[in-house]
Amino acid sequence: MNLEQKFIDLTVKFIDLVAKVLPDDVVSALSDLKSKETEPMAKAIYESMFENMEKAVSMNRPICQDTGVLQFFLKVGTKFPLIDKLADMLLEATKIATNSVPLRHNAVETFIEKNTGTNTGKNVPYIEYEIVPNSDKLEMIVYMAGGGCVLPGRSMVMMPSAGYEGIADFVADTLVNWGINACPPLVVGVGIGTCVASAAKLAKKASLRPLGTKNENVQAQIMEQQLLKALNGIGLGPQGIPGKAGCVLGVNIENMARHPSAMGAAVSFGCWAHRRGTIVLDANLNYEILDHKGTVL
């Protein structure tokens, strides 16, 4: 088997894993909220979630019927041997996984309004590259963006006078008004930048960061903790029903320098079935899976 085919096969197996097994940090955060919940109906929903996770493995089926649109976030070394072929290989892996996992057909060509039936289409799967100089490794995040968890996503630009309190209000208002569509409890990614585009990309990046990690800035860390406490004090629980433990698994913030006259803010949500996987491959395609410890493809 050549290196290109080996990469495709590994990627198909990794997509299969992400579709059926939640990452360790998400399972841990769900277990924590489940243990703290006291409302009978909310507790019953958590029981069904964990039964769902168990049956996904035992029955070899995706953990949610909406297997989302595949998104790949790549940190690729300039010396990684397959760097020039990544887009084509990920396209092929997506087509194969659609049948083998299987994945629901979720790629509808805009304006044509026709489902391709392969989970591929114009700029789908979505691929984002970050180039790493003088490296022969590839770090790849595979994420399944379901319709529910993308519906509440919002991005806007506000006057700097709104301050960080304005950003907090924006995040809270978005969660209260739209978050129930995303199947709580939620992963909340917050992006702070200059324009709607930069803030939105940072929010997506934040939502994919492992739960329990912190922004490198101390003030941002404080804001992460304050938002987590505030959002979990609203009174919502799993699936948006009343709950005592809260409806948020974690809040991650990513930020950049901004223009003096503008403050961009965005929020991106992940549902309780936060299907994210991170794999690191070397030049020979030896791999390490970072968030599903002990898993072998």
Protein backbone atom coordinates (compact mmCIF):
# COMPACT_ATOMS: atom_id res chain seq x y z
CA MET A 1 0.00 0.00 0.00
CA ASN A 2 1.43 3.38 -0.98
CA LEU A 3 1.56 6.34 1.40
CA GLU A 4 -1.38 8.10 -0.23
CA GLN A 5 -3.71 5.11 0.08
CA LYS A 6 -2.56 4.52 3.65
CA PHE A 7 -3.49 8.10 4.54
CA ILE A 8 -6.94 7.74 2.99
CA ASP A 9 -7.57 4.48 4.85
CA LEU A 10 -6.44 5.98 8.18
CA THR A 11 -8.64 9.02 7.65
CA VAL A 12 -11.71 6.90 6.87
CA LYS A 13 -11.13 4.92 10.08
CA PHE A 14 -10.66 8.13 12.05
CA ILE A 15 -13.88 9.61 10.67
CA ASP A 16 -15.61 6.38 11.74
CA LEU A 17 -14.22 6.78 15.25
CA VAL A 18 -15.26 10.43 15.55
CA ALA A 19 -18.79 9.59 14.40
CA LYS A 20 -19.26 6.89 17.03
CA VAL A 21 -17.11 7.72 20.08
CA LEU A 22 -17.00 11.08 21.86
CA PRO A 23 -13.60 12.49 22.91
CA ASP A 24 -12.40 11.81 26.45
CA ASP A 25 -12.72 15.41 27.66
CA VAL A 26 -16.33 15.68 26.48
CA VAL A 27 -17.33 12.41 28.15
CA SER A 28 -15.67 13.60 31.37
CA ALA A 29 -17.51 16.95 31.27
CA LEU A 30 -20.85 15.23 30.57
CA SER A 31 -20.23 12.86 33.49
CA ASP A 32 -19.53 15.83 35.76
CA LEU A 33 -22.78 17.61 34.87
CA LYS A 34 -24.71 14.34 35.11
CA SER A 35 -23.39 13.73 38.63
CA LYS A 36 -24.42 17.24 39.76
CA GLU A 37 -27.90 17.25 38.23
CA THR A 38 -30.85 16.89 40.63
CA GLU A 39 -33.90 17.55 38.43
CA PRO A 40 -35.57 14.17 37.67
CA MET A 41 -36.29 14.85 33.99
CA ALA A 42 -32.80 16.26 33.39
CA LYS A 43 -31.26 13.22 35.10
CA ALA A 44 -33.32 10.93 32.85
CA ILE A 45 -32.05 12.75 29.76
CA TYR A 46 -28.45 12.29 30.88
CA GLU A 47 -29.15 8.59 31.35
CA SER A 48 -30.44 8.39 27.78
CA MET A 49 -27.36 10.25 26.50
CA PHE A 50 -25.00 7.75 28.11
CA GLU A 51 -27.13 4.85 26.88
CA ASN A 52 -26.87 6.40 23.41
CA MET A 53 -23.07 6.52 23.71
CA GLU A 54 -22.91 2.88 24.78
CA LYS A 55 -25.18 1.68 21.99
CA ALA A 56 -23.26 3.65 19.37
CA VAL A 57 -20.24 1.51 20.23
CA SER A 58 -21.99 -1.82 20.77
CA MET A 59 -24.12 -1.48 17.63
CA ASN A 60 -21.37 0.19 15.58
CA ARG A 61 -23.51 3.16 14.59
CA PRO A 62 -23.03 6.95 14.59
CA ILE A 63 -23.84 8.56 17.91
CA CYS A 64 -26.30 10.96 16.24
CA GLN A 65 -28.39 10.59 13.10
CA ASP A 66 -27.17 14.01 11.92
CA THR A 67 -23.55 13.18 11.14
CA GLY A 68 -22.99 16.76 10.07
CA VAL A 69 -20.77 18.34 7.46
CA LEU A 70 -17.19 17.15 7.73
CA GLN A 71 -14.67 19.83 8.62
CA PHE A 72 -10.90 19.31 8.69
CA PHE A 73 -8.56 21.70 10.52
CA LEU A 74 -4.96 21.02 9.57
CA LYS A 75 -1.65 22.09 11.06
CA VAL A 76 0.58 20.79 8.31
CA GLY A 77 4.36 20.91 8.20
CA THR A 78 6.00 22.21 5.05
CA LYS A 79 7.96 18.93 4.90
CA PHE A 80 4.99 16.61 5.36
CA PRO A 81 5.30 14.30 2.33
CA LEU A 82 1.63 14.43 1.30
CA ILE A 83 1.09 18.18 1.72
CA ASP A 84 0.27 18.72 -1.97
CA LYS A 85 -2.33 15.94 -2.03
CA LEU A 86 -4.22 16.60 1.19
CA ALA A 87 -7.33 18.16 -0.34
CA ASP A 88 -7.80 15.35 -2.86
CA MET A 89 -7.19 12.65 -0.25
CA LEU A 90 -9.64 14.17 2.25
CA LEU A 91 -12.25 14.43 -0.50
CA GLU A 92 -11.81 10.76 -1.32
CA ALA A 93 -11.85 9.73 2.34
CA THR A 94 -15.11 11.62 2.84
CA LYS A 95 -16.75 9.83 -0.09
CA ILE A 96 -15.63 6.43 1.20
CA ALA A 97 -16.68 7.17 4.79
CA THR A 98 -20.12 8.28 3.62
CA ASN A 99 -20.83 4.67 2.65
CA SER A 100 -18.71 2.79 5.18
CA VAL A 101 -19.54 4.58 8.47
CA PRO A 102 -22.25 5.35 7.17
CA LEU A 103 -22.76 9.12 7.15
CA ARG A 104 -26.05 10.87 6.41
CA HIS A 105 -26.00 12.80 3.13
CA ASN A 106 -25.57 16.39 4.32
CA ALA A 107 -24.03 18.33 1.43
CA VAL A 108 -26.59 20.41 -0.45
CA GLU A 109 -25.24 22.55 -3.29
CA THR A 110 -26.43 26.12 -2.76
CA PHE A 111 -28.58 27.71 -5.48
CA ILE A 112 -28.81 24.33 -7.19
CA GLU A 113 -30.44 23.03 -3.98
CA LYS A 114 -29.50 19.44 -4.70
CA ASN A 115 -28.00 16.96 -2.26
CA THR A 116 -24.82 15.48 -3.74
CA GLY A 117 -25.26 12.19 -1.88
CA THR A 118 -21.51 12.00 -1.11
CA ASN A 119 -21.02 14.61 1.64
CA THR A 120 -18.84 16.47 -0.85
CA GLY A 121 -19.52 19.56 -2.92
CA LYS A 122 -18.23 23.06 -3.51
CA ASN A 123 -15.70 23.66 -0.70
CA VAL A 124 -17.09 20.63 1.15
CA PRO A 125 -15.61 19.00 3.10
CA TYR A 126 -14.43 22.25 4.63
CA ILE A 127 -10.64 22.32 4.97
CA GLU A 128 -8.62 24.94 6.81
CA TYR A 129 -4.83 24.97 6.70
CA GLU A 130 -2.23 26.29 9.13
CA ILE A 131 1.29 25.92 7.75
CA VAL A 132 4.05 24.91 10.17
CA PRO A 133 7.58 25.68 8.86
CA ASN A 134 10.33 23.07 9.08
CA SER A 135 8.03 20.27 10.23
CA ASP A 136 7.22 16.91 8.64
CA LYS A 137 4.13 16.29 10.81
CA LEU A 138 0.42 16.78 10.33
CA GLU A 139 -2.00 17.54 13.16
CA MET A 140 -5.57 17.04 11.95
CA ILE A 141 -8.80 17.84 13.74
CA VAL A 142 -11.86 16.12 12.30
CA TYR A 143 -15.14 17.75 13.30
CA MET A 144 -18.71 16.86 12.40
CA ALA A 145 -20.76 20.06 12.25
CA GLY A 146 -24.39 19.04 12.71
CA GLY A 147 -27.27 21.29 11.72
CA GLY A 148 -28.41 21.88 15.29
CA CYS A 149 -25.10 23.03 16.69
CA VAL A 150 -24.38 25.43 13.82
CA LEU A 151 -27.80 27.11 13.89
CA PRO A 152 -27.10 29.34 16.93
CA GLY A 153 -23.70 30.57 15.66
CA ARG A 154 -23.47 34.36 15.55
CA SER A 155 -20.87 37.00 14.70
CA MET A 156 -21.06 40.79 14.95
CA VAL A 157 -18.98 43.93 15.32
CA MET A 158 -19.67 46.32 18.17
CA MET A 159 -18.31 49.64 19.32
CA PRO A 160 -15.32 49.29 21.65
CA SER A 161 -17.31 51.21 24.28
CA ALA A 162 -19.45 48.09 24.68
CA GLY A 163 -16.44 46.52 26.37
CA TYR A 164 -16.06 42.93 27.42
CA GLU A 165 -19.37 43.21 29.23
CA GLY A 166 -20.96 43.75 25.82
CA ILE A 167 -19.33 40.58 24.52
CA ALA A 168 -20.57 38.65 27.55
CA ASP A 169 -24.11 39.97 26.96
CA PHE A 170 -23.89 38.96 23.29
CA VAL A 171 -22.82 35.42 24.19
CA ALA A 172 -25.49 35.05 26.87
CA ASP A 173 -28.26 36.45 24.65
CA THR A 174 -27.27 34.12 21.82
CA LEU A 175 -27.30 31.07 24.09
CA VAL A 176 -30.65 31.96 25.67
CA ASN A 177 -32.39 32.78 22.38
CA TRP A 178 -30.83 30.15 20.12
CA GLY A 179 -28.84 27.66 22.16
CA ILE A 180 -31.70 25.22 22.69
CA ASN A 181 -31.45 24.39 18.96
CA ALA A 182 -27.95 23.01 19.54
CA CYS A 183 -28.95 20.17 21.91
CA PRO A 184 -27.45 21.26 25.26
CA PRO A 185 -25.28 20.84 27.22
CA LEU A 186 -23.05 22.87 24.92
CA VAL A 187 -19.44 23.62 24.20
CA VAL A 188 -19.22 27.41 23.81
CA GLY A 189 -16.46 28.90 21.67
CA VAL A 190 -16.01 32.67 21.80
CA GLY A 191 -13.93 34.65 19.32
CA ILE A 192 -12.79 38.24 19.87
CA GLY A 193 -11.21 40.12 16.97
CA THR A 194 -11.83 43.02 14.60
CA CYS A 195 -14.31 41.90 11.91
CA VAL A 196 -17.07 39.32 11.67
CA ALA A 197 -14.82 36.95 9.69
CA SER A 198 -11.85 36.95 12.06
CA ALA A 199 -14.06 36.69 15.15
CA ALA A 200 -16.03 33.80 13.63
CA LYS A 201 -12.89 31.82 12.77
CA LEU A 202 -11.56 32.35 16.27
CA ALA A 203 -14.87 31.22 17.78
CA LYS A 204 -14.75 28.00 15.76
CA LYS A 205 -11.13 27.46 16.82
CA ALA A 206 -12.14 28.03 20.45
CA SER A 207 -14.98 25.50 20.24
CA LEU A 208 -12.52 22.84 19.09
CA ARG A 209 -10.03 23.41 21.90
CA PRO A 210 -10.01 20.63 24.51
CA LEU A 211 -12.29 21.26 27.47
CA GLY A 212 -10.36 22.23 30.58
CA THR A 213 -7.66 24.12 28.68
CA LYS A 214 -7.25 27.85 29.22
CA ASN A 215 -6.56 30.92 27.16
CA GLU A 216 -2.94 32.04 27.65
CA ASN A 217 -4.08 35.49 28.84
CA VAL A 218 -5.01 35.70 32.53
CA GLN A 219 -7.85 38.17 31.94
CA ALA A 220 -9.27 35.95 29.23
CA GLN A 221 -9.08 32.99 31.64
CA ILE A 222 -11.12 34.96 34.16
CA MET A 223 -13.71 35.75 31.49
CA GLU A 224 -13.90 32.07 30.50
CA GLN A 225 -14.64 31.09 34.10
CA GLN A 226 -17.10 33.92 34.66
CA LEU A 227 -19.02 33.09 31.50
CA LEU A 228 -19.12 29.40 32.40
CA LYS A 229 -20.52 30.21 35.83
CA ALA A 230 -23.04 32.72 34.48
CA LEU A 231 -24.31 30.54 31.65
CA ASN A 232 -24.68 27.54 33.93
CA GLY A 233 -26.66 29.71 36.34
CA ILE A 234 -29.40 30.51 33.84
CA GLY A 235 -31.42 27.45 34.83
CA LEU A 236 -31.30 25.51 31.59
CA GLY A 237 -30.33 21.87 31.58
CA PRO A 238 -29.85 19.10 29.00
CA GLN A 239 -31.87 19.60 25.81
CA GLY A 240 -32.91 23.03 27.12
CA ILE A 241 -35.26 21.81 29.85
CA PRO A 242 -34.91 23.11 33.44
CA GLY A 243 -31.78 21.85 35.15
CA LYS A 244 -29.78 22.63 38.26
CA ALA A 245 -26.30 21.70 37.04
CA GLY A 246 -26.34 23.93 33.95
CA CYS A 247 -26.30 23.60 30.18
CA VAL A 248 -22.65 24.34 29.32
CA LEU A 249 -19.77 21.84 29.21
CA GLY A 250 -17.13 24.53 28.86
CA VAL A 251 -16.35 28.03 27.58
CA ASN A 252 -13.22 28.63 25.51
CA ILE A 253 -12.09 32.04 24.27
CA GLU A 254 -9.67 32.75 21.41
CA ASN A 255 -8.61 36.32 20.68
CA MET A 256 -6.44 38.54 18.51
CA ALA A 257 -5.40 42.19 18.41
CA ARG A 258 -8.18 44.43 17.09
CA HIS A 259 -8.65 47.79 15.42
CA PRO A 260 -9.00 50.66 17.93
CA SER A 261 -12.43 51.57 16.53
CA ALA A 262 -14.04 48.14 16.35
CA MET A 263 -14.50 45.01 18.43
CA GLY A 264 -15.59 41.86 16.68
CA ALA A 265 -17.30 39.12 18.66
CA ALA A 266 -18.55 35.70 17.66
CA VAL A 267 -19.85 32.58 19.30
CA SER A 268 -19.76 29.01 17.97
CA PHE A 269 -21.49 26.10 19.70
CA GLY A 270 -20.89 22.40 19.91
CA CYS A 271 -23.74 20.11 20.96
CA TRP A 272 -23.55 17.50 23.73
CA ALA A 273 -22.42 15.00 21.08
CA HIS A 274 -19.35 17.12 20.32
CA ARG A 275 -17.83 14.91 17.65
CA ARG A 276 -14.26 16.12 17.49
CA GLY A 277 -11.09 14.10 17.07
CA THR A 278 -7.43 15.12 16.91
CA ILE A 279 -4.76 12.94 15.33
CA VAL A 280 -1.05 13.64 14.78
CA LEU A 281 0.81 11.86 11.97
CA ASP A 282 4.51 11.81 11.17
CA ALA A 283 6.13 11.52 7.74
CA ASN A 284 5.66 7.72 7.75
CA LEU A 285 2.03 8.04 8.94
CA ASN A 286 2.72 6.70 12.40
CA TYR A 287 -0.02 8.31 14.44
CA GLU A 288 -1.11 9.43 17.89
CA ILE A 289 -4.73 10.17 18.74
CA LEU A 290 -4.84 12.96 21.31
CA ASP A 291 -8.42 12.90 22.58
CA HIS A 292 -9.43 9.23 22.36
CA LYS A 293 -6.65 7.73 24.46
CA GLY A 294 -5.83 4.08 23.88
CA THR A 295 -7.67 3.87 20.57
CA VAL A 296 -6.06 2.00 17.69
CA LEU A 297 -7.33 2.50 14.15
